[in-house]
């Protein structure tokens, strides 16, 4: 299995494991497969395609609306900028301040395994996944004082079970803290080769959203030794066996296909040089994650029931490790998504998105919200007389303070617009206090700006002023865009009106529409302003200026 070992700009480290037929996209946007906490990374910076032959190609940019759009800061492979590159083991990919190391050991490349749909041979033994451990540990003979041959048989049975317990204990110690699927299957295969006469072991994994009838993809295949490697890769896997194992949640030993009368004349397992096959499901209480498939390559050799018991027990342990690895990967992805979403949404909304992601799909709903626009006045003049790094630091300080205030008042940060911002109050969840919360947030932002200006004076910067506009009305709010790229936003006449109010506000002013004034039940004195005309509206918009330095009542 191939991996990306990632260190992003924040210093966080984790590993991403590729799965067959699963796209890999890389960037800042939270819906990427690999989400980078890196301001120098584009929202959709790069993507990696994998071929049927197990090769991986990284491509700078993303396909949006059918067109490939390159990233702003390029993709560097081993220090050189590349638009497209077939990854090799050990390649170092640099995106912004983040590093991704590609890891694909040679023996794991191109897991090329074919399937067949031939009928089952004679099923010698089935074990239910629920009875695996009791079957493995159940003694077939009782200790007795009978003649020596029988005692020897009993001792042999006990020794076998002791060996199984030792192997399972060793495996549980190894897999308890391992979240790498490659390491998990390598350990499982080692134990199977040590404890059974299997010549080939194939790890089959179901995609996380597939049910028991889902597609199984080979992600690892090993032969007992190099002599068998080439032969093992030519052999197919019985899809009839894997389907039964997944559907019925049973471990299955199948052999002697040629002896089955009902399959007489059918070119079955023996025809390809495989006489004996074991397949055990990777099953937990919640789901079936895949299967372990083992076979003998000698047509005159066969598995025994004891081998089925051992492989079933190994599969049970492996299933737990796979479930833990998938949970760990999901939690790691949620952690990064939470960090990214939290930049724009209140914590309660982030929690709702992570708990019920299906509720945040493309599309929108019509609802009444209050929209706040804020923009720094005279920022162009400031930026002309200060180094770029100081300007960026100033914006970051300003946006951090303003965003905290918006979140504290239940708002959602829609977007940053250069030196301005747009916030929504009443989306995704509307309340009767949305307009009041928006107005109180605007006042708090103006008051916080007084403190920021004191800090700027101490550092030799000129003071800044912010003009704000608020309007309440009906909008379409939701995820707008394409399946590949979307953003949570609001569209409609209310957005245009709010923006127009902000553009008419001078530094230090908060202008609100009559609709917001009525909905907010303002505790601040409101001074009437001259009405303005807004595009696509026949009636002029009545304006009020908020005297935010004096409240008309207690606050």
Protein backbone atom coordinates (compact mmCIF):
# COMPACT_ATOMS: atom_id res chain seq x y z
CA UNK A 1 0.00 0.00 0.00
CA UNK A 2 1.27 3.49 -0.86
CA UNK A 3 1.26 6.33 1.65
CA UNK A 4 1.84 10.05 2.02
CA UNK A 5 3.69 11.04 5.19
CA UNK A 6 2.60 14.63 5.74
CA UNK A 7 3.93 17.55 7.76
CA UNK A 8 1.88 20.71 7.22
CA UNK A 9 2.77 24.35 7.93
CA UNK A 10 1.51 24.13 11.52
CA UNK A 11 3.91 21.25 12.26
CA UNK A 12 1.16 18.65 12.49
CA UNK A 13 2.21 15.22 11.22
CA UNK A 14 0.06 12.35 9.99
CA UNK A 15 -0.09 9.66 7.32
CA UNK A 16 -2.55 9.19 4.47
CA UNK A 17 -2.93 5.69 2.98
CA UNK A 18 -4.08 5.36 -0.63
CA UNK A 19 -6.97 3.03 -1.39
CA UNK A 20 -7.76 1.76 -4.90
CA UNK A 21 -10.31 3.79 -6.86
CA UNK A 22 -10.39 6.54 -4.21
CA UNK A 23 -9.46 9.99 -5.51
CA UNK A 24 -6.85 12.01 -3.62
CA UNK A 25 -7.08 15.80 -3.65
CA UNK A 26 -4.79 18.12 -1.70
CA UNK A 27 -5.40 21.69 -0.52
CA UNK A 28 -6.72 24.03 2.17
CA UNK A 29 -10.43 23.44 1.53
CA UNK A 30 -11.96 21.09 4.13
CA UNK A 31 -13.50 18.80 1.49
CA UNK A 32 -10.09 17.70 0.19
CA UNK A 33 -8.87 14.17 0.86
CA UNK A 34 -5.67 15.64 2.34
CA UNK A 35 -6.42 18.95 4.08
CA UNK A 36 -3.39 21.19 4.66
CA UNK A 37 -3.36 23.83 7.38
CA UNK A 38 -1.15 26.03 5.24
CA UNK A 39 -1.95 29.61 4.12
CA UNK A 40 0.36 29.22 1.10
CA UNK A 41 -1.57 26.24 -0.22
CA UNK A 42 -4.42 26.87 -2.65
CA UNK A 43 -7.91 25.69 -1.70
CA UNK A 44 -7.53 22.92 -4.27
CA UNK A 45 -3.79 22.79 -4.85
CA UNK A 46 -3.12 19.38 -6.44
CA UNK A 47 -4.54 15.94 -7.04
CA UNK A 48 -3.08 12.44 -7.38
CA UNK A 49 -4.30 9.90 -9.92
CA UNK A 50 -3.51 6.21 -9.60
CA UNK A 51 -3.44 3.77 -12.49
CA UNK A 52 -4.60 0.17 -12.67
CA UNK A 53 -0.94 -0.86 -12.55
CA UNK A 54 -0.31 0.73 -9.16
CA UNK A 55 1.46 3.90 -10.32
CA UNK A 56 0.65 7.33 -8.88
CA UNK A 57 0.83 10.66 -10.71
CA UNK A 58 0.58 14.03 -8.97
CA UNK A 59 -0.88 16.90 -11.00
CA UNK A 60 -0.62 20.57 -10.07
CA UNK A 61 -4.09 22.11 -9.75
CA UNK A 62 -7.65 20.83 -9.80
CA UNK A 63 -10.30 20.19 -12.45
CA UNK A 64 -13.06 22.75 -11.91
CA UNK A 65 -16.01 22.99 -14.30
CA UNK A 66 -14.17 20.72 -16.72
CA UNK A 67 -11.00 22.84 -16.79
CA UNK A 68 -7.66 22.26 -15.06
CA UNK A 69 -6.80 25.25 -12.89
CA UNK A 70 -3.23 25.40 -11.67
CA UNK A 71 -2.29 26.32 -8.11
CA UNK A 72 -1.00 29.77 -7.19
CA UNK A 73 2.29 28.66 -5.60
CA UNK A 74 3.08 25.52 -7.68
CA UNK A 75 3.97 21.98 -6.65
CA UNK A 76 7.62 21.12 -6.01
CA UNK A 77 8.95 17.57 -6.39
CA UNK A 78 12.31 17.07 -4.71
CA UNK A 79 12.84 20.83 -4.87
CA UNK A 80 11.88 21.27 -8.55
CA UNK A 81 8.58 22.78 -9.74
CA UNK A 82 6.50 20.26 -11.69
CA UNK A 83 3.06 20.43 -13.27
CA UNK A 84 2.86 16.63 -13.52
CA UNK A 85 5.06 13.88 -12.10
CA UNK A 86 4.85 10.11 -11.68
CA UNK A 87 5.69 9.55 -8.04
CA UNK A 88 8.49 7.21 -7.01
CA UNK A 89 9.23 5.78 -3.58
CA UNK A 90 10.83 8.47 -1.41
CA UNK A 91 9.77 11.48 -3.53
CA UNK A 92 9.38 14.66 -1.49
CA UNK A 93 6.41 16.84 -2.47
CA UNK A 94 6.44 20.45 -1.24
CA UNK A 95 3.25 22.53 -1.22
CA UNK A 96 3.66 25.92 0.41
CA UNK A 97 5.30 25.23 3.77
CA UNK A 98 4.00 21.65 3.85
CA UNK A 99 5.95 18.50 2.99
CA UNK A 100 4.45 15.23 1.74
CA UNK A 101 6.75 12.22 1.40
CA UNK A 102 5.56 9.48 -0.96
CA UNK A 103 6.18 5.97 0.38
CA UNK A 104 5.58 2.89 -1.77
CA UNK A 105 7.82 -0.10 -1.00
CA UNK A 106 8.74 -2.02 -4.14
CA UNK A 107 7.23 -5.32 -3.03
CA UNK A 108 3.83 -3.70 -2.55
CA UNK A 109 3.47 -2.03 -5.90
CA UNK A 110 0.97 -3.15 -8.50
CA UNK A 111 -1.11 -5.57 -6.44
CA UNK A 112 -2.47 -7.14 -9.59
CA UNK A 113 -4.96 -9.84 -8.64
CA UNK A 114 -7.66 -11.17 -10.96
CA UNK A 115 -11.06 -12.54 -10.03
CA UNK A 116 -13.07 -15.43 -11.41
CA UNK A 117 -16.71 -16.38 -10.91
CA UNK A 118 -16.35 -20.16 -11.02
CA UNK A 119 -18.51 -22.27 -8.70
CA UNK A 120 -17.35 -23.42 -5.29
CA UNK A 121 -15.68 -26.74 -4.89
CA UNK A 122 -16.52 -29.09 -2.04
CA UNK A 123 -16.98 -26.97 1.10
CA UNK A 124 -15.33 -28.98 3.79
CA UNK A 125 -15.89 -26.64 6.72
CA UNK A 126 -17.62 -23.38 7.64
CA UNK A 127 -17.07 -21.36 10.81
CA UNK A 128 -19.37 -18.52 11.82
CA UNK A 129 -17.51 -15.32 12.60
CA UNK A 130 -19.35 -15.18 15.94
CA UNK A 131 -17.97 -18.58 16.94
CA UNK A 132 -14.36 -18.10 15.87
CA UNK A 133 -12.69 -17.96 19.29
CA UNK A 134 -14.82 -20.67 20.89
CA UNK A 135 -14.11 -22.95 17.92
CA UNK A 136 -10.39 -22.28 18.03
CA UNK A 137 -10.08 -22.97 21.73
CA UNK A 138 -12.54 -25.86 22.01
CA UNK A 139 -10.73 -29.15 22.69
CA UNK A 140 -11.80 -32.11 20.61
CA UNK A 141 -10.37 -34.59 23.11
CA UNK A 142 -10.33 -34.83 26.86
CA UNK A 143 -7.19 -35.48 28.85
CA UNK A 144 -7.21 -39.12 29.88
CA UNK A 145 -5.03 -41.86 31.27
CA UNK A 146 -5.65 -43.91 28.14
CA UNK A 147 -2.78 -45.46 26.20
CA UNK A 148 0.11 -43.32 25.06
CA UNK A 149 -1.01 -42.67 21.42
CA UNK A 150 -4.20 -41.04 22.61
CA UNK A 151 -2.38 -39.00 25.24
CA UNK A 152 0.05 -37.87 22.56
CA UNK A 153 -2.85 -36.75 20.40
CA UNK A 154 -4.33 -34.78 23.28
CA UNK A 155 -0.98 -33.15 24.01
CA UNK A 156 -0.58 -32.29 20.36
CA UNK A 157 -4.00 -30.64 20.37
CA UNK A 158 -3.18 -28.66 23.49
CA UNK A 159 0.15 -27.61 22.02
CA UNK A 160 -1.57 -26.43 18.86
CA UNK A 161 -4.00 -24.30 20.85
CA UNK A 162 -1.16 -22.91 22.94
CA UNK A 163 0.63 -21.93 19.74
CA UNK A 164 -2.51 -20.24 18.44
CA UNK A 165 -2.94 -18.27 21.67
CA UNK A 166 0.71 -17.23 21.57
CA UNK A 167 0.37 -16.04 17.98
CA UNK A 168 -2.84 -14.13 18.71
CA UNK A 169 -1.33 -12.54 21.82
CA UNK A 170 1.71 -11.47 19.81
CA UNK A 171 -0.55 -10.05 17.13
CA UNK A 172 -2.74 -8.16 19.60
CA UNK A 173 0.33 -6.52 21.17
CA UNK A 174 1.59 -5.42 17.76
CA UNK A 175 -1.72 -4.19 16.39
CA UNK A 176 -2.99 -2.44 19.49
CA UNK A 177 -1.37 0.87 18.54
CA UNK A 178 -0.82 0.41 14.78
CA UNK A 179 -2.92 2.51 12.40
CA UNK A 180 -1.06 1.66 9.20
CA UNK A 181 -2.99 -0.85 7.07
CA UNK A 182 0.20 -2.04 5.43
CA UNK A 183 1.76 -2.92 8.80
CA UNK A 184 -1.46 -4.60 9.92
CA UNK A 185 -1.64 -6.92 6.94
CA UNK A 186 2.09 -7.63 7.00
CA UNK A 187 1.79 -8.87 10.60
CA UNK A 188 -1.30 -10.95 9.83
CA UNK A 189 0.40 -12.54 6.84
CA UNK A 190 3.53 -13.38 8.81
CA UNK A 191 1.50 -15.25 11.42
CA UNK A 192 -0.48 -17.14 8.76
CA UNK A 193 2.73 -18.26 7.03
CA UNK A 194 4.29 -19.30 10.36
CA UNK A 195 1.25 -21.21 11.61
CA UNK A 196 -0.32 -22.71 8.46
CA UNK A 197 0.95 -24.22 5.17
CA UNK A 198 -0.55 -21.35 3.10
CA UNK A 199 1.46 -20.51 -0.02
CA UNK A 200 -0.31 -17.24 -0.85
CA UNK A 201 -2.21 -14.68 1.23
CA UNK A 202 -4.24 -11.82 -0.25
CA UNK A 203 -5.72 -8.99 1.80
CA UNK A 204 -9.04 -7.78 0.37
CA UNK A 205 -10.57 -4.53 1.57
CA UNK A 206 -14.09 -3.21 1.07
CA UNK A 207 -14.62 0.50 0.63
CA UNK A 208 -15.81 2.18 3.79
CA UNK A 209 -19.28 3.01 2.48
CA UNK A 210 -19.91 -0.36 0.87
CA UNK A 211 -22.10 -2.99 2.48
CA UNK A 212 -21.54 -6.72 2.62
CA UNK A 213 -22.13 -6.95 -1.14
CA UNK A 214 -19.64 -4.17 -1.87
CA UNK A 215 -16.62 -4.45 -4.12
CA UNK A 216 -13.50 -6.03 -2.64
CA UNK A 217 -10.18 -4.54 -3.68
CA UNK A 218 -6.86 -6.38 -3.22
CA UNK A 219 -4.50 -4.09 -1.33
CA UNK A 220 -1.73 -6.56 -0.44
CA UNK A 221 -0.59 -9.91 -1.76
CA UNK A 222 2.30 -12.04 -0.53
CA UNK A 223 3.65 -15.47 -1.44
CA UNK A 224 5.52 -17.71 0.97
CA UNK A 225 8.80 -17.32 -0.93
CA UNK A 226 10.26 -15.78 -4.05
CA UNK A 227 9.92 -19.01 -6.02
CA UNK A 228 6.13 -18.83 -5.76
CA UNK A 229 5.80 -15.07 -6.32
CA UNK A 230 5.47 -15.09 -10.11
CA UNK A 231 3.13 -18.09 -10.09
CA UNK A 232 0.96 -16.55 -7.33
CA UNK A 233 0.39 -13.36 -9.32
CA UNK A 234 -1.05 -15.34 -12.24
CA UNK A 235 -3.77 -16.97 -10.16
CA UNK A 236 -7.23 -15.55 -9.75
CA UNK A 237 -9.41 -15.27 -6.67
CA UNK A 238 -12.76 -17.03 -6.48
CA UNK A 239 -15.35 -14.28 -6.31
CA UNK A 240 -17.98 -16.90 -5.43
CA UNK A 241 -16.03 -17.65 -2.27
CA UNK A 242 -15.50 -14.02 -1.25
CA UNK A 243 -19.17 -13.15 -1.84
CA UNK A 244 -20.34 -15.98 0.39
CA UNK A 245 -17.84 -15.07 3.10
CA UNK A 246 -18.86 -11.41 3.08
CA UNK A 247 -22.61 -12.02 2.88
CA UNK A 248 -22.88 -14.85 5.43
CA UNK A 249 -20.01 -13.69 7.68
CA UNK A 250 -18.49 -17.13 7.72
CA UNK A 251 -14.96 -18.44 7.28
CA UNK A 252 -14.83 -21.04 4.54
CA UNK A 253 -12.50 -23.90 3.58
CA UNK A 254 -13.03 -25.16 0.04
CA UNK A 255 -11.15 -27.94 -1.72
CA UNK A 256 -11.41 -31.01 -3.99
CA UNK A 257 -13.50 -29.20 -6.59
CA UNK A 258 -13.00 -32.03 -9.07
CA UNK A 259 -14.73 -34.49 -6.77
CA UNK A 260 -18.01 -32.57 -6.64
CA UNK A 261 -20.50 -34.30 -8.89
CA UNK A 262 -22.64 -31.20 -9.28
CA UNK A 263 -19.64 -29.38 -10.73
CA UNK A 264 -18.47 -32.24 -12.91
CA UNK A 265 -16.91 -30.94 -16.08
CA UNK A 266 -16.56 -27.42 -14.69
CA UNK A 267 -13.08 -25.95 -14.93
CA UNK A 268 -12.82 -25.01 -11.25
CA UNK A 269 -10.18 -24.31 -8.64
CA UNK A 270 -8.04 -27.36 -9.44
CA UNK A 271 -7.76 -26.31 -13.08
CA UNK A 272 -5.55 -23.38 -12.12
CA UNK A 273 -3.36 -25.38 -9.78
CA UNK A 274 -5.08 -24.40 -6.55
CA UNK A 275 -6.59 -27.32 -4.72
CA UNK A 276 -7.31 -25.85 -1.32
CA UNK A 277 -8.56 -22.38 -0.37
CA UNK A 278 -9.45 -20.61 2.87
CA UNK A 279 -11.27 -17.29 3.04
CA UNK A 280 -12.15 -15.55 6.32
CA UNK A 281 -14.09 -12.29 6.75
CA UNK A 282 -12.65 -9.22 8.45
CA UNK A 283 -15.78 -8.70 10.52
CA UNK A 284 -16.56 -6.64 13.62
CA UNK A 285 -19.80 -5.87 15.39
CA UNK A 286 -20.45 -2.90 13.12
CA UNK A 287 -19.53 -4.18 9.64
CA UNK A 288 -17.47 -6.43 7.40
CA UNK A 289 -14.28 -4.62 6.37
CA UNK A 290 -13.02 -7.19 3.87
CA UNK A 291 -11.48 -10.66 3.87
CA UNK A 292 -8.24 -12.62 4.13
CA UNK A 293 -7.84 -15.09 1.26
CA UNK A 294 -5.24 -17.88 1.51
CA UNK A 295 -4.55 -20.84 -0.75
CA UNK A 296 -2.21 -23.78 -1.40
CA UNK A 297 -0.44 -23.71 -4.73
CA UNK A 298 0.39 -27.40 -4.72
CA UNK A 299 -2.57 -29.30 -6.32
CA UNK A 300 -1.76 -32.30 -4.15
CA UNK A 301 -1.72 -30.37 -0.86
CA UNK A 302 -4.70 -29.27 1.19
CA UNK A 303 -5.57 -27.16 4.20
CA UNK A 304 -6.86 -28.83 7.36
CA UNK A 305 -9.71 -27.68 9.59
CA UNK A 306 -7.11 -26.49 12.12
CA UNK A 307 -5.76 -24.09 9.48
CA UNK A 308 -9.22 -22.63 8.97
CA UNK A 309 -9.52 -22.03 12.71
CA UNK A 310 -6.18 -20.24 12.90
CA UNK A 311 -6.77 -18.04 9.85
CA UNK A 312 -10.26 -17.21 11.12
CA UNK A 313 -8.83 -16.07 14.44
CA UNK A 314 -6.14 -13.98 12.71
CA UNK A 315 -8.85 -12.40 10.53
CA UNK A 316 -10.87 -11.52 13.64
CA UNK A 317 -7.87 -9.73 15.17
CA UNK A 318 -7.06 -8.06 11.87
CA UNK A 319 -10.63 -6.77 11.52
CA UNK A 320 -10.38 -4.95 14.85
CA UNK A 321 -7.09 -3.38 13.81
CA UNK A 322 -8.55 -2.28 10.45
CA UNK A 323 -11.55 -0.73 12.18
CA UNK A 324 -9.25 1.13 14.58
CA UNK A 325 -7.10 2.35 11.68
CA UNK A 326 -10.13 3.61 9.79
CA UNK A 327 -11.49 5.30 12.89
CA UNK A 328 -8.11 6.92 13.50
CA UNK A 329 -7.98 8.18 9.91
CA UNK A 330 -11.54 9.52 10.17
CA UNK A 331 -10.80 11.30 13.45
CA UNK A 332 -7.61 12.80 12.05
CA UNK A 333 -9.51 14.07 9.02
CA UNK A 334 -12.27 15.46 11.24
CA UNK A 335 -9.67 17.22 13.35
CA UNK A 336 -8.26 18.99 10.31
CA UNK A 337 -11.76 19.71 8.98
CA UNK A 338 -12.78 21.11 12.37
CA UNK A 339 -9.75 23.40 12.37
CA UNK A 340 -10.60 24.65 8.87
CA UNK A 341 -14.36 25.00 9.38
CA UNK A 342 -13.80 26.76 12.72
CA UNK A 343 -12.18 29.65 10.89
CA UNK A 344 -15.51 30.55 9.32
CA UNK A 345 -18.28 29.00 11.40
CA UNK A 346 -19.28 29.01 15.07
CA UNK A 347 -18.39 25.87 17.03
CA UNK A 348 -22.01 24.74 17.26
CA UNK A 349 -22.30 24.78 13.46
CA UNK A 350 -18.99 22.96 13.04
CA UNK A 351 -20.21 20.25 15.41
CA UNK A 352 -23.43 19.91 13.42
CA UNK A 353 -21.52 19.58 10.15
CA UNK A 354 -19.21 16.85 11.47
CA UNK A 355 -22.02 14.88 13.09
CA UNK A 356 -24.34 15.09 10.09
CA UNK A 357 -22.32 15.85 6.93
CA UNK A 358 -25.16 14.72 4.65
CA UNK A 359 -27.19 17.73 5.77
CA UNK A 360 -24.64 20.05 4.13
CA UNK A 361 -24.88 19.12 0.48
CA UNK A 362 -25.19 21.31 -2.59
CA UNK A 363 -28.35 23.35 -2.62
CA UNK A 364 -29.95 26.07 -0.57
CA UNK A 365 -33.01 27.08 1.38
CA UNK A 366 -34.89 30.35 1.53
CA UNK A 367 -34.79 32.04 4.90
CA UNK A 368 -34.66 35.48 6.48
CA UNK A 369 -31.25 36.48 7.82
CA UNK A 370 -29.27 39.62 8.62
CA UNK A 371 -26.12 40.28 6.62
CA UNK A 372 -23.20 42.39 7.83
CA UNK A 373 -20.58 43.88 5.53
CA UNK A 374 -17.51 45.65 6.94
CA UNK A 375 -14.64 47.27 5.06
CA UNK A 376 -11.51 49.18 6.11
CA UNK A 377 -11.44 52.76 4.83
CA UNK A 378 -8.18 54.15 3.43
CA UNK A 379 -6.45 50.80 3.45
CA UNK A 380 -4.88 51.37 0.02
CA UNK A 381 -3.07 54.45 1.37
CA UNK A 382 -1.72 52.46 4.29
CA UNK A 383 -0.53 49.59 2.12
CA UNK A 384 1.40 51.96 -0.14
CA UNK A 385 3.62 53.11 2.75
CA UNK A 386 4.28 49.89 4.66
CA UNK A 387 6.16 46.64 3.90
CA UNK A 388 3.93 43.77 2.71
CA UNK A 389 4.68 41.60 5.77
CA UNK A 390 3.47 44.35 8.09
CA UNK A 391 0.31 44.80 6.05
CA UNK A 392 -0.39 41.07 6.25
CA UNK A 393 0.21 41.15 10.01
CA UNK A 394 -2.18 44.08 10.36
CA UNK A 395 -4.91 42.31 8.40
CA UNK A 396 -4.46 39.09 10.35
CA UNK A 397 -4.75 40.97 13.66
CA UNK A 398 -7.84 42.83 12.48
CA UNK A 399 -9.59 39.79 11.00
CA UNK A 400 -8.83 37.65 14.05
CA UNK A 401 -10.41 40.19 16.38
CA UNK A 402 -13.45 40.77 14.15
CA UNK A 403 -14.04 37.05 13.55
CA UNK A 404 -13.97 36.30 17.27
CA UNK A 405 -16.65 38.94 17.82
CA UNK A 406 -18.83 37.58 14.99
CA UNK A 407 -18.63 34.05 16.44
CA UNK A 408 -19.33 35.32 19.96
CA UNK A 409 -22.60 36.82 18.69
CA UNK A 410 -23.69 33.66 16.84
CA UNK A 411 -22.71 34.78 13.36
CA UNK A 412 -21.17 32.84 10.50
CA UNK A 413 -18.19 34.26 8.64
CA UNK A 414 -19.12 34.01 4.99
CA UNK A 415 -15.87 35.23 3.45
CA UNK A 416 -13.02 37.74 3.57
CA UNK A 417 -13.11 40.28 0.73
CA UNK A 418 -9.67 41.83 0.47
CA UNK A 419 -9.66 44.16 3.48
CA UNK A 420 -13.37 43.56 4.09
CA UNK A 421 -15.60 40.76 5.32
CA UNK A 422 -19.14 39.42 5.03
CA UNK A 423 -20.96 37.74 7.91
CA UNK A 424 -24.35 36.03 8.18
CA UNK A 425 -26.63 36.05 11.21
CA UNK A 426 -29.39 33.47 11.06
CA UNK A 427 -27.62 30.86 8.93
CA UNK A 428 -27.51 27.92 9.04
CA UNK A 429 -29.89 28.18 12.05
CA UNK A 430 -32.30 31.11 12.33
CA UNK A 431 -33.38 32.62 15.67
CA UNK A 432 -35.59 35.57 16.64
CA UNK A 433 -32.48 37.45 17.82
CA UNK A 434 -30.49 37.34 14.58
CA UNK A 435 -30.88 41.03 13.72
CA UNK A 436 -30.11 42.08 17.30
CA UNK A 437 -27.06 39.83 17.38
CA UNK A 438 -25.82 41.31 14.11
CA UNK A 439 -26.24 44.87 15.37
CA UNK A 440 -24.57 44.10 18.70
CA UNK A 441 -21.71 42.45 16.83
CA UNK A 442 -21.24 45.53 14.65
CA UNK A 443 -21.09 47.77 17.72
CA UNK A 444 -18.62 45.44 19.43
CA UNK A 445 -16.46 45.45 16.30
CA UNK A 446 -16.33 49.26 16.23
CA UNK A 447 -15.45 49.39 19.91
CA UNK A 448 -12.74 46.76 19.47
CA UNK A 449 -11.30 48.87 16.67
CA UNK A 450 -10.57 51.62 19.18
CA UNK A 451 -8.17 49.29 20.97
CA UNK A 452 -6.62 48.13 17.70
CA UNK A 453 -5.96 51.75 16.73
CA UNK A 454 -4.14 52.36 20.01
CA UNK A 455 -1.91 49.40 19.21
CA UNK A 456 -1.31 50.71 15.68
CA UNK A 457 -0.31 54.16 16.95
CA UNK A 458 2.22 52.59 19.31
CA UNK A 459 3.73 50.71 16.35
CA UNK A 460 3.90 53.76 14.08
CA UNK A 461 0.93 52.86 11.88
CA UNK A 462 -1.81 55.32 11.01
CA UNK A 463 -5.22 54.59 12.50
CA UNK A 464 -7.82 52.72 10.46
CA UNK A 465 -11.55 53.18 10.24
CA UNK A 466 -14.23 50.70 9.25
CA UNK A 467 -17.53 51.32 7.55
CA UNK A 468 -20.36 48.80 8.09
CA UNK A 469 -23.69 48.04 6.49
CA UNK A 470 -26.48 45.73 7.75
CA UNK A 471 -29.68 44.63 6.05
CA UNK A 472 -32.31 42.03 6.95
CA UNK A 473 -34.23 40.10 4.33
CA UNK A 474 -34.85 36.84 2.55
CA UNK A 475 -31.97 35.04 0.82
CA UNK A 476 -31.09 31.63 -0.56
CA UNK A 477 -28.51 30.24 1.82
CA UNK A 478 -26.60 26.96 1.53
CA UNK A 479 -23.76 25.26 -0.28
CA UNK A 480 -23.47 26.93 -3.67
CA UNK A 481 -21.13 25.74 -6.44
CA UNK A 482 -20.28 22.39 -7.95
CA UNK A 483 -19.72 18.88 -6.58
CA UNK A 484 -16.00 19.56 -6.87
CA UNK A 485 -15.91 22.97 -5.24
CA UNK A 486 -18.56 24.74 -3.21
CA UNK A 487 -18.86 27.24 -0.40
CA UNK A 488 -21.47 28.03 2.21
CA UNK A 489 -22.89 31.44 1.35
CA UNK A 490 -26.01 33.51 0.77
CA UNK A 491 -27.28 34.93 -2.51
CA UNK A 492 -30.06 37.34 -3.30
CA UNK A 493 -31.12 40.97 -3.25
CA UNK A 494 -30.51 41.20 0.50
CA UNK A 495 -26.79 40.58 -0.06
CA UNK A 496 -26.58 43.33 -2.69
CA UNK A 497 -28.43 45.79 -0.46
CA UNK A 498 -26.18 45.10 2.53
CA UNK A 499 -23.11 45.65 0.37
CA UNK A 500 -24.52 48.94 -0.93
CA UNK A 501 -25.16 50.15 2.62
CA UNK A 502 -21.58 49.38 3.59
CA UNK A 503 -20.20 51.27 0.58
CA UNK A 504 -22.16 54.36 1.72
CA UNK A 505 -20.85 54.18 5.28
CA UNK A 506 -17.90 56.37 6.23
CA UNK A 507 -15.14 55.28 8.60
CA UNK A 508 -16.60 54.60 12.03
CA UNK A 509 -20.20 54.45 10.79
CA UNK A 510 -22.74 51.65 11.05
CA UNK A 511 -25.59 52.01 8.55
CA UNK A 512 -28.63 49.76 8.88
CA UNK A 513 -31.76 49.41 6.78
CA UNK A 514 -35.22 50.07 8.11
CA UNK A 515 -35.86 46.30 7.99
CA UNK A 516 -32.91 45.67 10.33
CA UNK A 517 -33.90 48.53 12.63
CA UNK A 518 -37.37 47.03 13.09
CA UNK A 519 -36.11 43.46 13.52
CA UNK A 520 -33.31 44.35 15.93
CA UNK A 521 -35.31 46.49 18.40
CA UNK A 522 -32.16 48.58 18.71
CA UNK A 523 -31.05 49.82 22.12
CA UNK A 524 -28.88 52.37 20.36
CA UNK A 525 -29.98 55.76 19.14
CA UNK A 526 -30.69 55.76 15.44
CA UNK A 527 -30.18 58.85 13.32
CA UNK A 528 -32.11 58.97 10.01
CA UNK A 529 -30.00 59.19 6.87
CA UNK A 530 -30.91 60.07 3.33
CA UNK A 531 -32.44 57.19 1.43
CA UNK A 532 -30.44 55.50 -1.32
CA UNK A 533 -31.36 53.68 -4.50
CA UNK A 534 -30.13 50.11 -4.95
CA UNK A 535 -29.86 48.28 -8.25
CA UNK A 536 -32.85 46.03 -9.03
CA UNK A 537 -34.99 47.72 -6.33
CA UNK A 538 -37.75 50.12 -7.37
CA UNK A 539 -38.20 51.71 -3.95
CA UNK A 540 -35.40 53.63 -2.22
CA UNK A 541 -33.89 52.07 0.90
CA UNK A 542 -34.51 53.94 4.13
CA UNK A 543 -31.30 54.23 6.17
CA UNK A 544 -30.44 54.69 9.81
CA UNK A 545 -27.05 55.49 11.33
CA UNK A 546 -26.34 53.75 14.65
CA UNK A 547 -25.00 56.01 17.40
CA UNK A 548 -22.95 53.12 18.76
CA UNK A 549 -21.10 55.16 21.36
CA UNK A 550 -24.31 55.79 23.29
CA UNK A 551 -27.06 53.31 24.12
CA UNK A 552 -30.67 54.42 24.55
CA UNK A 553 -31.09 51.96 27.39
CA UNK A 554 -29.21 49.41 29.42
CA UNK A 555 -27.17 46.92 27.40
